[in-house]
Protein backbone atom coordinates (compact mmCIF):
# COMPACT_ATOMS: atom_id res chain seq x y z
CA MET A 1 21.36 15.83 15.52
CA ASP A 2 24.82 14.29 15.80
CA GLY A 3 25.56 10.72 14.87
CA ILE A 4 26.98 8.30 12.36
CA GLU A 5 27.48 9.62 8.84
CA LEU A 6 26.09 7.63 5.91
CA SER A 7 26.49 8.23 2.20
CA ALA A 8 23.36 8.52 0.07
CA ASP A 9 24.20 5.14 -1.48
CA GLU A 10 24.57 3.51 1.94
CA ALA A 11 21.17 4.85 3.02
CA ARG A 12 19.56 3.60 -0.18
CA ARG A 13 21.07 0.14 0.24
CA LEU A 14 19.91 -0.03 3.86
CA GLN A 15 16.36 0.64 2.70
CA LEU A 16 16.53 -1.89 -0.12
CA ARG A 17 17.71 -4.58 2.27
CA ALA A 18 15.12 -3.68 4.88
CA GLN A 19 12.44 -3.88 2.23
CA GLY A 20 13.58 -7.31 1.03
CA LEU A 21 14.85 -6.12 -2.35
CA LEU A 22 18.57 -6.60 -1.75
CA GLY A 23 20.03 -9.81 -0.42
CA SER A 24 18.19 -13.00 0.47
CA GLY A 25 17.45 -12.45 4.15
CA LEU A 26 13.79 -11.55 3.83
CA ARG A 27 13.11 -14.15 1.14
CA ARG A 28 14.15 -16.97 3.46
CA GLY A 29 11.13 -16.28 5.65
CA GLY A 30 8.57 -16.82 2.88
CA MET A 31 5.21 -15.05 2.93
CA ARG A 32 4.71 -15.03 6.71
CA GLY A 33 8.20 -13.67 7.22
CA LEU A 34 7.66 -11.06 4.54
CA LEU A 35 4.56 -9.63 6.19
CA GLY A 36 6.37 -9.42 9.50
CA ALA A 37 9.41 -7.75 7.94
CA LEU A 38 7.47 -5.18 5.95
CA GLY A 39 5.18 -4.36 8.85
CA ALA A 40 2.34 -3.30 6.54
CA VAL A 41 1.19 -4.20 3.04
CA GLN A 42 -1.11 -1.58 1.55
CA LEU A 43 -4.40 -2.67 0.01
CA ASP A 44 -6.00 -1.10 -3.04
CA THR A 45 -8.95 -1.91 -5.28
CA ILE A 46 -7.09 -1.44 -8.59
CA SER A 47 -6.13 -4.67 -10.33
CA VAL A 48 -4.09 -4.66 -13.54
CA LEU A 49 -1.64 -7.56 -13.55
CA ALA A 50 -2.79 -8.36 -10.02
CA ARG A 51 -3.88 -6.45 -6.95
CA SER A 52 -1.24 -4.46 -5.12
CA HIS A 53 -1.13 -6.76 -2.09
CA GLU A 54 -0.18 -9.58 -4.50
CA LEU A 55 2.38 -7.52 -6.40
CA VAL A 56 4.29 -6.69 -3.21
CA PRO A 57 5.26 -10.31 -2.38
CA TYR A 58 5.78 -11.08 -6.08
CA ALA A 59 8.44 -8.35 -6.28
CA ARG A 60 10.36 -9.99 -3.42
CA LEU A 61 9.60 -13.69 -3.62
CA GLY A 62 9.00 -14.18 -7.33
CA ALA A 63 6.15 -16.22 -8.77
CA ILE A 64 4.48 -17.10 -5.48
CA GLY A 65 1.00 -18.57 -5.81
CA ARG A 66 -1.97 -16.39 -4.98
CA ASP A 67 -3.37 -18.98 -2.57
CA ALA A 68 -0.15 -18.73 -0.55
CA VAL A 69 -0.47 -14.94 -0.50
CA GLU A 70 -4.06 -15.02 0.74
CA ALA A 71 -3.28 -17.65 3.37
CA ALA A 72 -0.39 -15.58 4.72
CA TYR A 73 -2.55 -12.48 4.99
CA TRP A 74 -5.80 -13.92 6.29
CA GLY A 75 -5.05 -17.45 7.39
CA GLU A 76 -5.34 -18.45 11.03
CA GLY A 77 -2.79 -16.62 13.13
CA ALA A 78 -1.53 -14.59 10.17
CA GLY A 79 -2.57 -10.96 9.72
CA PHE A 80 -5.39 -8.48 10.17
CA GLU A 81 -6.56 -5.39 8.31
CA TYR A 82 -6.36 -1.95 9.81
CA TRP A 83 -5.39 1.66 9.18
CA ALA A 84 -1.62 2.04 8.95
CA HIS A 85 0.00 3.91 6.04
CA ALA A 86 -3.43 3.38 4.48
CA ALA A 87 -5.80 0.42 4.65
CA SER A 88 -3.26 -2.36 5.10
CA VAL A 89 -2.66 -5.96 6.07
CA LEU A 90 -0.64 -6.04 9.29
CA PRO A 91 1.03 -8.86 11.23
CA LEU A 92 -1.37 -10.25 13.80
CA GLU A 93 1.26 -9.83 16.53
CA ASP A 94 1.02 -6.06 16.06
CA TRP A 95 -2.67 -5.92 17.07
CA PRO A 96 -1.89 -4.47 20.55
CA LEU A 97 0.24 -1.65 19.08
CA PHE A 98 -2.79 -0.11 17.38
CA SER A 99 -4.63 0.29 20.68
CA PHE A 100 -3.70 3.98 20.59
CA ARG A 101 -5.51 4.45 17.28
CA ARG A 102 -8.58 2.50 18.36
CA ARG A 103 -8.75 4.64 21.51
CA ALA A 104 -8.44 7.81 19.44
CA PHE A 105 -11.37 6.74 17.26
CA ARG A 106 -13.47 6.01 20.34
CA ALA A 107 -12.65 9.39 21.84
CA ARG A 108 -13.62 11.14 18.63
CA GLY A 109 -16.85 9.18 18.31
CA TRP A 110 -16.90 8.86 14.52
CA ARG A 111 -14.60 8.86 11.49
CA TRP A 112 -16.24 9.64 8.14
CA HIS A 113 -19.92 9.15 8.98
CA LYS A 114 -21.97 9.61 12.12
CA VAL A 115 -22.81 6.18 13.51
CA PRO A 116 -26.57 5.54 13.53
CA GLU A 117 -27.99 4.79 16.95
CA GLY A 118 -28.69 1.14 17.65
CA VAL A 119 -27.22 -0.24 14.41
CA CYS A 120 -23.88 -1.28 15.96
CA GLU A 121 -25.74 -3.35 18.53
CA ASP A 122 -27.73 -5.00 15.74
CA VAL A 123 -24.57 -5.82 13.77
CA LEU A 124 -22.83 -7.31 16.81
CA LYS A 125 -25.90 -9.37 17.65
CA ARG A 126 -26.00 -10.85 14.15
CA LEU A 127 -22.27 -11.64 14.13
CA ARG A 128 -22.60 -13.45 17.46
CA ALA A 129 -25.53 -15.47 16.19
CA GLU A 130 -24.53 -16.11 12.57
CA GLY A 131 -20.73 -16.00 12.50
CA PRO A 132 -18.60 -14.07 9.97
CA LEU A 133 -20.60 -11.92 7.51
CA THR A 134 -20.00 -9.55 4.60
CA THR A 135 -21.55 -6.10 4.39
CA LYS A 136 -23.86 -7.46 1.70
CA GLU A 137 -25.09 -10.17 4.07
CA LEU A 138 -25.61 -7.52 6.73
CA GLY A 139 -27.91 -5.57 4.44
CA GLY A 140 -25.77 -3.94 1.75
CA ALA A 141 -23.04 -1.31 1.63
CA LYS A 142 -24.77 1.56 -0.15
CA ALA A 143 -27.74 3.72 0.62
CA GLY A 144 -28.13 4.61 -3.06
CA GLY A 145 -26.49 7.35 -5.09
CA ASP A 146 -22.74 7.91 -4.99
CA TRP A 147 -20.21 5.44 -3.59
CA TRP A 148 -19.68 7.38 -0.36
CA GLN A 149 -23.36 7.22 0.56
CA TRP A 150 -23.01 4.25 2.85
CA SER A 151 -25.89 2.30 4.29
CA ASP A 152 -26.38 2.37 8.06
CA HIS A 153 -25.00 -1.15 8.35
CA LYS A 154 -21.90 -0.24 6.35
CA ILE A 155 -21.30 2.78 8.59
CA ALA A 156 -21.73 0.62 11.68
CA ILE A 157 -19.47 -2.24 10.60
CA GLU A 158 -16.66 0.08 9.52
CA TRP A 159 -16.91 1.96 12.81
CA LEU A 160 -16.74 -1.32 14.72
CA LEU A 161 -13.62 -2.16 12.69
CA ASP A 162 -12.11 1.24 13.59
CA ILE A 163 -12.57 0.71 17.31
CA GLY A 164 -11.54 -2.94 17.29
CA GLU A 165 -14.87 -4.61 18.05
CA VAL A 166 -14.78 -6.49 14.74
CA VAL A 167 -12.01 -7.70 12.43
CA CYS A 168 -11.79 -8.51 8.73
CA VAL A 169 -10.93 -12.21 8.78
CA ARG A 170 -10.72 -12.76 5.02
CA ARG A 171 -11.93 -11.40 1.71
CA ILE A 172 -14.26 -12.89 -0.88
CA GLY A 173 -13.29 -11.21 -4.11
CA TRP A 174 -12.84 -7.69 -2.81
CA ARG A 175 -15.52 -7.92 -0.09
CA ARG A 176 -14.45 -7.99 3.52
CA VAL A 177 -15.72 -10.77 5.75
CA TYR A 178 -16.17 -9.47 9.30
CA ASP A 179 -16.11 -11.33 12.57
CA LEU A 180 -16.03 -10.44 16.25
CA ALA A 181 -12.57 -9.53 17.50
CA GLU A 182 -13.15 -11.72 20.53
CA ARG A 183 -13.38 -14.74 18.20
CA ALA A 184 -10.73 -13.74 15.66
CA ILE A 185 -7.93 -12.33 17.82
CA PRO A 186 -6.14 -14.63 20.30
CA SER A 187 -6.79 -13.61 23.90
CA ARG A 188 -3.06 -13.13 24.57
CA LEU A 189 -3.20 -10.24 22.06
CA LEU A 190 -6.77 -9.07 22.56
CA ASP A 191 -6.30 -8.66 26.32
CA ARG A 192 -3.17 -6.53 25.94
CA ASP A 193 -3.89 -2.81 26.10
CA PRO A 194 -0.58 -0.90 26.03
CA ASP A 195 -0.67 2.83 26.66
CA ASP A 196 -0.05 5.32 23.88
CA THR A 197 3.65 5.67 24.63
CA GLU A 198 4.25 1.93 24.40
CA CYS A 199 2.26 1.73 21.18
CA LEU A 200 4.15 4.59 19.56
CA THR A 201 7.53 3.31 20.72
CA GLY A 202 6.83 -0.06 19.15
CA LEU A 203 5.57 1.40 15.88
CA VAL A 204 8.44 3.86 15.51
CA ALA A 205 10.92 1.03 16.11
CA ARG A 206 9.13 -0.96 13.40
CA SER A 207 9.17 2.00 11.02
CA ALA A 208 12.95 2.23 11.39
CA ARG A 209 13.34 -1.52 10.92
CA CYS A 210 11.21 -1.44 7.76
CA LEU A 211 13.04 1.57 6.28
CA GLY A 212 16.56 0.98 7.55
CA VAL A 213 17.06 4.70 7.97
CA GLY A 214 14.71 7.68 7.85
CA THR A 215 13.97 11.23 8.88
CA ARG A 216 11.32 11.93 11.50
CA THR A 217 8.87 12.56 8.63
CA ASP A 218 9.80 9.26 6.94
CA LEU A 219 9.35 7.33 10.16
CA ALA A 220 6.03 9.02 10.87
CA ASP A 221 4.68 8.35 7.38
CA TYR A 222 5.08 4.58 7.53
CA TYR A 223 2.21 4.19 9.98
CA ARG A 224 0.70 7.68 9.57
CA LEU A 225 1.95 8.98 12.89
CA ARG A 226 2.76 12.60 13.69
CA ALA A 227 6.34 13.85 13.55
CA ASP A 228 6.17 15.01 17.18
CA GLN A 229 5.13 11.49 18.19
CA VAL A 230 8.30 10.16 16.55
CA ASP A 231 10.43 12.73 18.38
CA ALA A 232 8.88 11.76 21.70
CA VAL A 233 9.79 8.06 21.48
CA ALA A 234 12.80 7.80 19.12
CA GLU A 235 15.27 7.40 21.99
CA ALA A 236 13.09 4.88 23.81
CA ALA A 237 12.75 2.94 20.55
CA GLY A 238 16.53 2.51 20.51
CA LEU A 239 17.10 4.36 17.25
CA VAL A 240 20.57 5.59 16.28
CA PRO A 241 21.00 9.23 15.20
CA VAL A 242 22.62 9.48 11.76
CA LYS A 243 23.49 12.06 9.12
CA VAL A 244 22.88 11.14 5.50
CA GLU A 245 24.74 12.78 2.66
CA GLY A 246 22.50 15.24 0.82
CA TRP A 247 19.65 15.13 3.36
CA ARG A 248 18.75 18.50 4.84
CA ASN A 249 17.38 17.00 8.04
CA GLY A 250 18.88 14.62 10.54
CA ALA A 251 17.73 11.04 10.61
CA TRP A 252 17.57 7.88 12.68
CA ALA A 253 18.61 4.37 11.76
CA ASP A 254 17.54 0.96 12.98
CA PRO A 255 20.46 -0.34 15.08
CA GLY A 256 20.03 -3.78 13.55
CA ALA A 257 20.46 -2.30 10.08
CA LEU A 258 23.81 -0.79 11.07
CA ALA A 259 25.07 -3.96 12.73
CA GLU A 260 26.20 -5.72 9.56
CA PRO A 261 27.24 -4.65 6.05
CA VAL A 262 24.72 -4.77 3.22
CA ARG A 263 25.49 -7.58 0.81
CA GLY A 264 23.64 -9.64 -1.76
CA ARG A 265 21.92 -9.55 -5.11
CA HIS A 266 19.61 -6.74 -6.16
CA ALA A 267 16.08 -7.60 -7.25
CA THR A 268 15.04 -6.83 -10.83
CA THR A 269 11.29 -6.39 -10.86
CA LEU A 270 8.20 -4.30 -11.49
CA LEU A 271 6.86 -2.60 -8.36
CA SER A 272 3.30 -1.79 -7.44
CA PRO A 273 2.77 1.99 -7.21
CA PHE A 274 1.59 1.23 -3.65
CA ASP A 275 4.71 -0.74 -2.71
CA SER A 276 6.20 0.35 0.61
CA LEU A 277 9.52 1.05 -1.13
CA VAL A 278 7.91 3.90 -3.08
CA TRP A 279 4.62 4.84 -1.37
CA ASP A 280 6.20 7.93 0.22
CA ARG A 281 6.68 10.24 -2.78
CA ALA A 282 8.98 12.74 -1.05
CA ARG A 283 11.23 9.99 0.29
CA THR A 284 11.31 8.19 -3.07
CA SER A 285 12.46 11.41 -4.75
CA ARG A 286 15.16 11.93 -2.10
CA MET A 287 16.38 8.33 -2.07
CA PHE A 288 16.20 7.49 -5.77
CA GLY A 289 15.87 10.80 -7.62
CA PHE A 290 12.60 9.37 -8.94
CA ASP A 291 9.36 11.34 -9.05
CA HIS A 292 6.62 8.81 -8.48
CA ARG A 293 2.93 9.50 -8.93
CA LEU A 294 -0.07 7.24 -9.48
CA GLU A 295 -2.05 8.56 -12.46
CA ALA A 296 -5.04 6.21 -12.30
CA TYR A 297 -7.24 9.09 -11.13
CA VAL A 298 -5.75 11.64 -13.53
CA PRO A 299 -7.81 12.28 -16.73
CA LYS A 300 -6.42 10.08 -19.51
CA ALA A 301 -5.39 13.04 -21.68
CA LYS A 302 -3.28 14.45 -18.84
CA ARG A 303 -1.40 11.27 -17.92
CA VAL A 304 2.35 11.35 -18.46
CA HIS A 305 3.32 7.74 -17.76
CA GLY A 306 0.02 5.84 -17.82
CA TYR A 307 -2.89 4.53 -15.77
CA PHE A 308 -0.99 2.14 -13.47
CA ALA A 309 2.67 2.90 -14.21
CA MET A 310 4.83 0.44 -12.26
CA PRO A 311 8.36 1.54 -11.31
CA VAL A 312 11.11 -0.71 -12.66
CA LEU A 313 13.72 -1.62 -10.05
CA ALA A 314 17.12 -2.93 -11.15
CA GLY A 315 20.58 -2.69 -9.64
CA GLY A 316 19.16 -0.81 -6.69
CA ARG A 317 17.89 2.05 -8.85
CA LEU A 318 14.50 2.99 -10.29
CA LEU A 319 15.28 3.23 -13.98
CA GLY A 320 11.81 3.87 -15.38
CA ARG A 321 8.18 2.84 -15.46
CA VAL A 322 5.97 0.38 -17.30
CA ASP A 323 2.21 0.89 -17.71
CA PRO A 324 1.02 -2.72 -18.12
CA ALA A 325 -2.14 -4.41 -19.35
CA ARG A 326 -3.20 -7.91 -20.38
CA GLU A 327 -4.78 -8.99 -23.62
CA GLY A 328 -5.47 -12.71 -23.48
CA ARG A 329 -2.07 -14.36 -23.04
CA THR A 330 -0.13 -11.22 -23.97
CA LEU A 331 1.34 -8.80 -21.46
CA VAL A 332 1.09 -5.36 -23.06
CA ALA A 333 3.43 -2.54 -22.09
CA ARG A 334 1.19 0.35 -23.06
CA GLN A 335 4.03 2.71 -22.31
CA ILE A 336 7.61 2.31 -21.17
CA SER A 337 9.12 5.49 -19.75
CA LEU A 338 12.85 5.46 -19.05
CA GLU A 339 14.71 7.89 -16.80
CA PRO A 340 17.19 10.10 -18.74
CA TRP A 341 20.19 8.86 -16.72
CA ALA A 342 19.33 5.24 -17.55
CA VAL A 343 19.76 5.75 -21.32
CA LYS A 344 22.43 8.45 -21.32
CA THR A 345 25.10 6.13 -22.78
CA ALA A 346 24.99 3.00 -24.91
CA ALA A 347 26.21 0.90 -21.98
CA ARG A 348 23.53 2.22 -19.64
CA ARG A 349 20.88 1.74 -22.31
CA GLU A 350 21.89 -1.89 -22.80
CA THR A 351 21.72 -2.47 -19.04
CA ALA A 352 18.28 -0.83 -18.86
CA PHE A 353 16.97 -2.90 -21.76
CA ASP A 354 18.23 -6.12 -20.18
CA ALA A 355 16.49 -5.20 -16.92
CA LEU A 356 13.24 -4.39 -18.73
CA ARG A 357 13.38 -7.69 -20.59
CA THR A 358 13.88 -9.60 -17.34
CA ALA A 359 11.19 -7.71 -15.43
CA LEU A 360 8.55 -7.91 -18.16
CA TRP A 361 9.00 -11.59 -18.98
CA ARG A 362 9.04 -12.63 -15.35
CA ALA A 363 5.81 -10.74 -14.76
CA ALA A 364 4.29 -12.21 -17.92
CA GLU A 365 5.04 -15.76 -16.84
CA TRP A 366 3.65 -15.09 -13.36
CA VAL A 367 0.28 -13.94 -14.71
CA GLY A 368 0.07 -16.70 -17.32
CA CYS A 369 1.14 -14.77 -20.41
CA ASP A 370 3.46 -16.17 -23.07
CA ALA A 371 4.00 -13.02 -25.14
CA VAL A 372 5.04 -9.42 -24.48
CA ARG A 373 4.11 -6.45 -26.67
CA VAL A 374 5.31 -2.85 -26.36
CA GLU A 375 3.06 -0.09 -27.65
CA LYS A 376 4.97 3.09 -26.77
CA VAL A 377 8.44 4.03 -25.56
CA ASP A 378 9.59 7.31 -24.04
CA PRO A 379 12.06 8.60 -25.24
CA SER A 380 10.47 7.70 -28.58
CA ASP A 381 13.80 7.49 -30.43
CA LEU A 382 14.56 4.33 -28.46
CA ALA A 383 11.51 2.45 -29.73
CA SER A 384 13.36 0.89 -32.65
CA LEU A 385 16.26 -0.15 -30.39
CA LEU A 386 14.20 -1.81 -27.68
CA VAL A 387 13.87 -5.51 -28.42
CA LEU A 388 12.19 -7.55 -25.71
CA ASP A 389 12.60 -11.10 -26.96
CA PRO A 390 12.28 -13.78 -24.25
CA PRO A 391 15.49 -14.08 -22.22
CA ASP A 392 17.62 -17.14 -22.91
């Protein structure tokens, strides 16, 4: 693949800007603009400082209120939930582009569980008569036993979500509230049914816009497409072939990303492990030299960095991780793990400590804490040097 040549630093800066973590462009659009720019915000049940879908806008917009976050995701005309990189909140305008996935589910006939006969009709009848309902109101999510043993109504409602007959219109706590797509999705979007090629072209173009630059695998991963699907539509999506220093494979860039130089201030923040900047482990290693892994499901004795280790972003680099917790009004850093390069010299160490101080105290203030305590530092010989007094 021939094309423009980019340095590794240029590629990294393009991604940081595209992800709203360098410069002010994305911040000017607020929450609604952020969802549109990121294309997808991954959902997850784990909540430490906050849930992941709250941490993502916090990292870019600062101490935004949780009501504003929820309104931007599930308010009228805002977003919808569907399967993208994982279960995600997506801009409402992108509803037609997932027609290809809804069709694929229909053609398959089931996803995780066989759909019980007649139950879908019962669920749709109740939604028409009663309005939006939770799984609990429909009869409960579990059939007893382990978590994956869904009730018939849970199987039916999730299948109806897969094929686009129903939509999650909001959440109560962590419970989805379902409604008929015909009520929740504007007709101008609901009536559009683009073919697979149009869907894939639009999503690949969005992947490139959200990443700035990426290999075929990178672009496929953003919305869980196949690499051959990217190849088939990359030209139609208007992507620019590029070569990136140190990358074994060719790549494509968003033409808009190449149109103007990258300028602005870098964000200093804690990132959710599910943040779209780092959710692709192979890409994160290639872009930042940072091996990222969520250890929440690893046995405690085998964890290296902690239960919910959050990458620390500063100066456009990932300099370490913080495994946070809250005890009353104290934010506890159960473990701080710093990358070797970040503490190699006294000057780098001072820069890293300043970034940690900024990131931890900003997060503490956001979640209503007025104290920060550090329990463990790796490398351990830095523990006595790390002082995290409140910034001036």
